[in-house]
Amino acid sequence: MPPSSSARLAPLLQDPRLWRATSLGECKLPTLSSGFPLLDAELPGGGWPTHMLSEILLPHLACAEWRLLGPALRPLLQGASARQLLLVNPPHMPHLPGLQAYGITPQQLVWIAPDQPQQILWALEQAIKANSAAAVLAWLPQASANQIRRLQAMSTASQAPVFVFRPRAAYQQSSAAPLRLMLAIGDDWQLRVHLLKRRGPAHTGWLQLPALPPQLAEHLSARQLRSPAMPRHANTPHAPHEMEDLAHEHPALARPAAYGAHA
């Protein structure tokens, strides 16, 4: 490179606004702390992004996503100005006692369970456009790359974080989501997280996040605390009396999601 060119580029290279691909990207938009310092340190801006899509790949349906997002959702749903949490196409009925441990009450939940894949996407698009929820969580087992790109474009106008859950098999598909990670269950009630895509250097290895559900530690023995966390399978139903109690108190949450109809 000629000396004159180097002299002209020198001030630009010293500009603090210049982002280098080898460094973790800064986020000028607001972010939301994940509640896990180890994860925040690896996320651009130090937390879950707003104005963009976060894609989380799961080994199977309903695999500890609440344990991952619960600490971040709690502050969003507190205070006089708190808004509602919108769930689109959850694989089964939200477990209210478990969510209440994260400070999420039934009155703060809006649950949408469309019957057809195209209705799921339409409902999610309308939710993002409305920009009125504290956060949007959507389970999309069949979304295409073009649909994810469209959702990401819409999310740029959303102040709320938007989380999309997809099966691990989607790992091989391209995705327009700026943040993409894989979630797995670890030993000793830990979560394992690998960042597949972020603004910054490639992430290697897995993060080990301590994610014991709130108020559970006092009820577990020392042996149970050291045991692998075994989440309830998505097809395991709640106890009959529990389903009846929840349906009676909260009829809006009583309809099963019938996930298998379009999985």
Protein backbone atom coordinates (compact mmCIF):
# COMPACT_ATOMS: atom_id res chain seq x y z
CA MET A 1 0.00 0.00 0.00
CA PRO A 2 1.46 3.41 -0.96
CA PRO A 3 2.53 5.62 1.97
CA SER A 4 -0.04 8.24 1.03
CA SER A 5 -2.85 5.67 1.30
CA SER A 6 -1.60 4.51 4.70
CA ALA A 7 -1.60 8.08 5.94
CA ARG A 8 -5.19 8.59 4.85
CA LEU A 9 -6.36 5.33 6.42
CA ALA A 10 -4.59 5.84 9.75
CA PRO A 11 -7.26 8.18 11.26
CA LEU A 12 -10.02 5.83 10.13
CA LEU A 13 -8.37 2.85 11.76
CA GLN A 14 -8.18 4.75 15.04
CA ASP A 15 -11.87 5.71 14.96
CA PRO A 16 -13.57 4.06 17.99
CA ARG A 17 -16.70 3.50 15.88
CA LEU A 18 -14.80 1.09 13.64
CA TRP A 19 -15.76 -2.51 14.33
CA ARG A 20 -13.29 -5.31 13.68
CA ALA A 21 -14.55 -8.79 12.98
CA THR A 22 -12.09 -10.20 15.52
CA SER A 23 -13.69 -8.24 18.37
CA LEU A 24 -17.07 -8.69 20.02
CA GLY A 25 -19.51 -6.29 18.41
CA GLU A 26 -20.96 -3.42 20.36
CA CYS A 27 -24.71 -2.88 20.29
CA LYS A 28 -25.96 0.70 20.16
CA LEU A 29 -29.52 -0.47 20.80
CA PRO A 30 -30.76 -1.43 24.28
CA THR A 31 -30.01 -4.94 25.45
CA LEU A 32 -31.49 -7.05 28.22
CA SER A 33 -29.21 -8.85 30.66
CA SER A 34 -29.67 -12.61 30.41
CA GLY A 35 -29.18 -12.99 34.15
CA PHE A 36 -26.10 -15.14 33.49
CA PRO A 37 -22.86 -13.08 33.68
CA LEU A 38 -20.96 -15.72 31.69
CA LEU A 39 -23.48 -15.52 28.84
CA ASP A 40 -23.71 -11.72 28.95
CA ALA A 41 -19.95 -11.55 28.46
CA GLU A 42 -20.32 -13.41 25.17
CA LEU A 43 -23.34 -11.50 23.84
CA PRO A 44 -22.80 -8.30 21.82
CA GLY A 45 -23.87 -5.40 23.98
CA GLY A 46 -23.80 -7.56 27.10
CA GLY A 47 -27.28 -9.09 26.88
CA TRP A 48 -30.21 -10.27 24.79
CA PRO A 49 -30.79 -7.88 21.90
CA THR A 50 -33.85 -5.82 21.11
CA HIS A 51 -34.81 -4.72 17.59
CA MET A 52 -33.66 -8.08 16.22
CA LEU A 53 -34.40 -11.79 16.30
CA SER A 54 -32.75 -14.26 18.67
CA GLU A 55 -32.95 -17.85 17.44
CA ILE A 56 -32.55 -20.69 19.96
CA LEU A 57 -32.15 -24.27 18.74
CA LEU A 58 -33.42 -27.02 21.06
CA PRO A 59 -32.66 -30.78 21.15
CA HIS A 60 -36.39 -31.42 21.53
CA LEU A 61 -39.52 -29.42 22.19
CA ALA A 62 -39.81 -27.63 25.53
CA CYS A 63 -36.20 -28.23 26.52
CA ALA A 64 -35.39 -25.81 29.35
CA GLU A 65 -35.99 -22.62 27.37
CA TRP A 66 -37.77 -21.13 30.40
CA ARG A 67 -34.74 -21.82 32.57
CA LEU A 68 -32.61 -19.96 30.05
CA LEU A 69 -34.92 -16.95 29.60
CA GLY A 70 -36.62 -16.80 33.01
CA PRO A 71 -33.99 -14.59 34.70
CA ALA A 72 -34.18 -12.07 31.85
CA LEU A 73 -37.99 -12.00 31.70
CA ARG A 74 -38.47 -11.33 35.41
CA PRO A 75 -37.48 -7.61 35.35
CA LEU A 76 -39.55 -7.04 32.20
CA LEU A 77 -42.72 -8.14 33.96
CA GLN A 78 -42.30 -6.13 37.15
CA GLY A 79 -43.36 -2.59 37.94
CA ALA A 80 -46.43 -0.51 37.21
CA SER A 81 -45.57 -0.18 33.52
CA ALA A 82 -45.02 -3.91 32.98
CA ARG A 83 -46.53 -5.35 29.81
CA GLN A 84 -47.67 -8.85 28.97
CA LEU A 85 -45.60 -11.77 27.78
CA LEU A 86 -46.76 -13.17 24.44
CA LEU A 87 -46.37 -16.88 23.66
CA VAL A 88 -46.99 -18.05 20.10
CA ASN A 89 -47.47 -21.78 19.46
CA PRO A 90 -46.00 -23.18 22.71
CA PRO A 91 -45.68 -26.99 22.54
CA HIS A 92 -47.90 -27.53 25.59
CA MET A 93 -49.79 -25.60 28.21
CA PRO A 94 -47.57 -23.23 30.24
CA HIS A 95 -46.82 -24.65 33.68
CA LEU A 96 -48.04 -21.81 35.87
CA PRO A 97 -46.38 -22.81 39.17
CA GLY A 98 -43.03 -23.02 37.43
CA LEU A 99 -43.48 -19.65 35.72
CA GLN A 100 -44.59 -17.99 38.94
CA ALA A 101 -41.20 -18.91 40.40
CA TYR A 102 -39.76 -16.49 37.82
CA GLY A 103 -42.27 -13.79 38.77
CA ILE A 104 -44.58 -14.49 35.82
CA THR A 105 -48.27 -14.47 36.77
CA PRO A 106 -51.19 -15.88 34.72
CA GLN A 107 -52.48 -12.33 34.13
CA GLN A 108 -49.23 -11.47 32.35
CA LEU A 109 -49.47 -14.31 29.83
CA VAL A 110 -51.06 -14.12 26.41
CA TRP A 111 -51.05 -17.55 24.83
CA ILE A 112 -51.76 -18.00 21.11
CA ALA A 113 -52.02 -21.53 19.71
CA PRO A 114 -53.02 -21.41 16.02
CA ASP A 115 -53.94 -24.62 14.23
CA GLN A 116 -52.03 -24.15 10.97
CA PRO A 117 -48.38 -23.21 10.24
CA GLN A 118 -49.42 -20.20 8.15
CA GLN A 119 -51.63 -18.99 11.02
CA ILE A 120 -48.68 -19.31 13.41
CA LEU A 121 -46.52 -17.08 11.23
CA TRP A 122 -49.32 -14.57 10.70
CA ALA A 123 -49.96 -14.32 14.45
CA LEU A 124 -46.25 -13.88 15.15
CA GLU A 125 -45.90 -11.17 12.51
CA GLN A 126 -48.86 -9.27 13.95
CA ALA A 127 -47.41 -9.55 17.45
CA ILE A 128 -44.07 -8.14 16.32
CA LYS A 129 -45.75 -5.31 14.39
CA ALA A 130 -47.90 -4.38 17.40
CA ASN A 131 -44.78 -3.83 19.50
CA SER A 132 -46.87 -3.92 22.68
CA ALA A 133 -45.59 -7.02 24.51
CA ALA A 134 -42.81 -7.16 27.09
CA ALA A 135 -41.30 -9.99 25.04
CA VAL A 136 -42.39 -12.37 22.30
CA LEU A 137 -41.61 -16.10 22.44
CA ALA A 138 -42.47 -18.28 19.45
CA TRP A 139 -41.99 -21.99 18.74
CA LEU A 140 -41.50 -22.55 14.99
CA PRO A 141 -40.73 -26.16 14.06
CA GLN A 142 -41.16 -25.66 10.33
CA ALA A 143 -40.03 -22.11 9.55
CA SER A 144 -38.08 -21.66 6.33
CA ALA A 145 -35.06 -19.46 5.77
CA ASN A 146 -37.19 -16.91 3.92
CA GLN A 147 -39.69 -16.77 6.76
CA ILE A 148 -36.94 -16.23 9.33
CA ARG A 149 -35.56 -13.43 7.15
CA ARG A 150 -38.98 -11.79 7.03
CA LEU A 151 -39.39 -12.06 10.81
CA GLN A 152 -35.95 -10.57 11.36
CA ALA A 153 -36.80 -7.61 9.11
CA MET A 154 -39.96 -6.99 11.14
CA SER A 155 -38.10 -7.32 14.43
CA THR A 156 -35.91 -4.30 13.66
CA ALA A 157 -38.89 -2.09 14.59
CA SER A 158 -39.68 -3.99 17.80
CA GLN A 159 -38.45 -2.64 21.12
CA ALA A 160 -39.23 -5.97 22.80
CA PRO A 161 -36.90 -8.94 22.52
CA VAL A 162 -38.16 -11.59 20.11
CA PHE A 163 -37.12 -15.20 20.71
CA VAL A 164 -37.76 -17.97 18.20
CA PHE A 165 -37.32 -21.63 19.18
CA ARG A 166 -36.50 -24.15 16.48
CA PRO A 167 -35.38 -27.80 16.44
CA ARG A 168 -31.68 -28.57 16.48
CA ALA A 169 -31.99 -30.01 12.96
CA ALA A 170 -32.31 -26.41 11.73
CA TYR A 171 -28.60 -25.98 12.51
CA GLN A 172 -27.75 -26.88 8.91
CA GLN A 173 -30.09 -24.24 7.50
CA SER A 174 -29.07 -20.66 6.86
CA SER A 175 -30.66 -18.06 9.13
CA ALA A 176 -30.98 -14.29 9.00
CA ALA A 177 -31.20 -14.09 12.79
CA PRO A 178 -28.24 -11.95 13.97
CA LEU A 179 -28.02 -14.01 17.17
CA ARG A 180 -28.27 -17.77 16.99
CA LEU A 181 -27.45 -20.26 19.73
CA MET A 182 -27.86 -23.90 20.64
CA LEU A 183 -29.22 -24.99 24.03
CA ALA A 184 -28.61 -28.33 25.73
CA ILE A 185 -29.04 -29.86 29.17
CA GLY A 186 -25.89 -30.32 31.25
CA ASP A 187 -25.13 -32.11 34.48
CA ASP A 188 -25.79 -30.76 37.97
CA TRP A 189 -28.81 -28.71 36.81
CA GLN A 190 -26.67 -26.71 34.41
CA LEU A 191 -27.51 -25.49 30.93
CA ARG A 192 -25.05 -25.75 28.07
CA VAL A 193 -25.07 -22.96 25.49
CA HIS A 194 -23.09 -22.68 22.26
CA LEU A 195 -23.29 -19.48 20.22
CA LEU A 196 -23.61 -20.40 16.58
CA LYS A 197 -23.80 -16.86 15.27
CA ARG A 198 -23.18 -13.42 16.72
CA ARG A 199 -21.63 -10.13 15.69
CA GLY A 200 -18.04 -10.85 16.57
CA PRO A 201 -15.54 -13.69 16.55
CA ALA A 202 -16.70 -17.28 16.29
CA HIS A 203 -17.61 -18.82 19.62
CA THR A 204 -15.90 -22.11 20.42
CA GLY A 205 -16.93 -24.66 23.02
CA TRP A 206 -19.93 -24.54 25.33
CA LEU A 207 -20.88 -22.22 28.15
CA GLN A 208 -21.89 -23.97 31.38
CA LEU A 209 -24.65 -21.94 33.03
CA PRO A 210 -25.91 -22.74 36.55
CA ALA A 211 -29.67 -22.72 36.09
CA LEU A 212 -31.32 -24.42 39.03
CA PRO A 213 -35.02 -23.48 38.94
CA PRO A 214 -35.91 -20.88 41.58
CA GLN A 215 -36.92 -22.12 45.04
CA LEU A 216 -36.01 -25.70 44.12
CA ALA A 217 -32.58 -25.99 45.75
CA GLU A 218 -34.01 -26.15 49.26
CA HIS A 219 -36.08 -29.20 48.33
CA LEU A 220 -33.26 -31.23 46.73
CA SER A 221 -30.82 -33.48 48.51
CA ALA A 222 -27.08 -33.18 47.97
CA ARG A 223 -27.22 -36.21 45.68
CA GLN A 224 -30.06 -34.72 43.64
CA LEU A 225 -28.17 -31.45 43.28
CA ARG A 226 -25.32 -33.38 41.67
CA SER A 227 -27.56 -35.40 39.38
CA PRO A 228 -28.13 -34.61 35.71
CA ALA A 229 -31.15 -32.41 35.17
CA MET A 230 -33.89 -34.45 33.53
CA PRO A 231 -36.55 -32.14 32.07
CA ARG A 232 -40.09 -33.27 31.59
CA HIS A 233 -40.62 -34.53 28.07
CA ALA A 234 -42.93 -32.42 25.95
CA ASN A 235 -45.38 -35.33 25.67
CA THR A 236 -45.60 -35.95 29.42
CA PRO A 237 -48.96 -34.57 30.61
CA HIS A 238 -49.58 -32.75 33.83
CA ALA A 239 -51.35 -34.60 36.63
CA PRO A 240 -55.13 -34.74 35.91
CA HIS A 241 -56.07 -32.81 39.03
CA GLU A 242 -53.53 -30.10 38.19
CA MET A 243 -54.95 -29.72 34.69
CA GLU A 244 -58.48 -29.44 36.06
CA ASP A 245 -57.48 -26.83 38.65
CA LEU A 246 -55.67 -24.70 36.07
CA ALA A 247 -58.48 -24.99 33.55
CA HIS A 248 -61.02 -23.93 36.15
CA GLU A 249 -59.01 -20.94 37.36
CA HIS A 250 -57.58 -19.88 33.99
CA PRO A 251 -59.78 -21.13 31.14
CA ALA A 252 -57.74 -19.21 28.57
CA LEU A 253 -54.83 -21.56 29.31
CA ALA A 254 -56.85 -24.75 29.27
CA ARG A 255 -56.75 -25.59 25.57
CA PRO A 256 -53.85 -27.93 24.62
CA ALA A 257 -51.59 -26.62 21.91
CA ALA A 258 -51.93 -29.79 19.77
CA TYR A 259 -48.36 -29.33 18.63
CA GLY A 260 -48.17 -32.64 16.85
CA ALA A 261 -50.75 -31.52 14.28
CA HIS A 262 -48.16 -29.39 12.54
CA ALA A 263 -44.83 -30.54 13.95
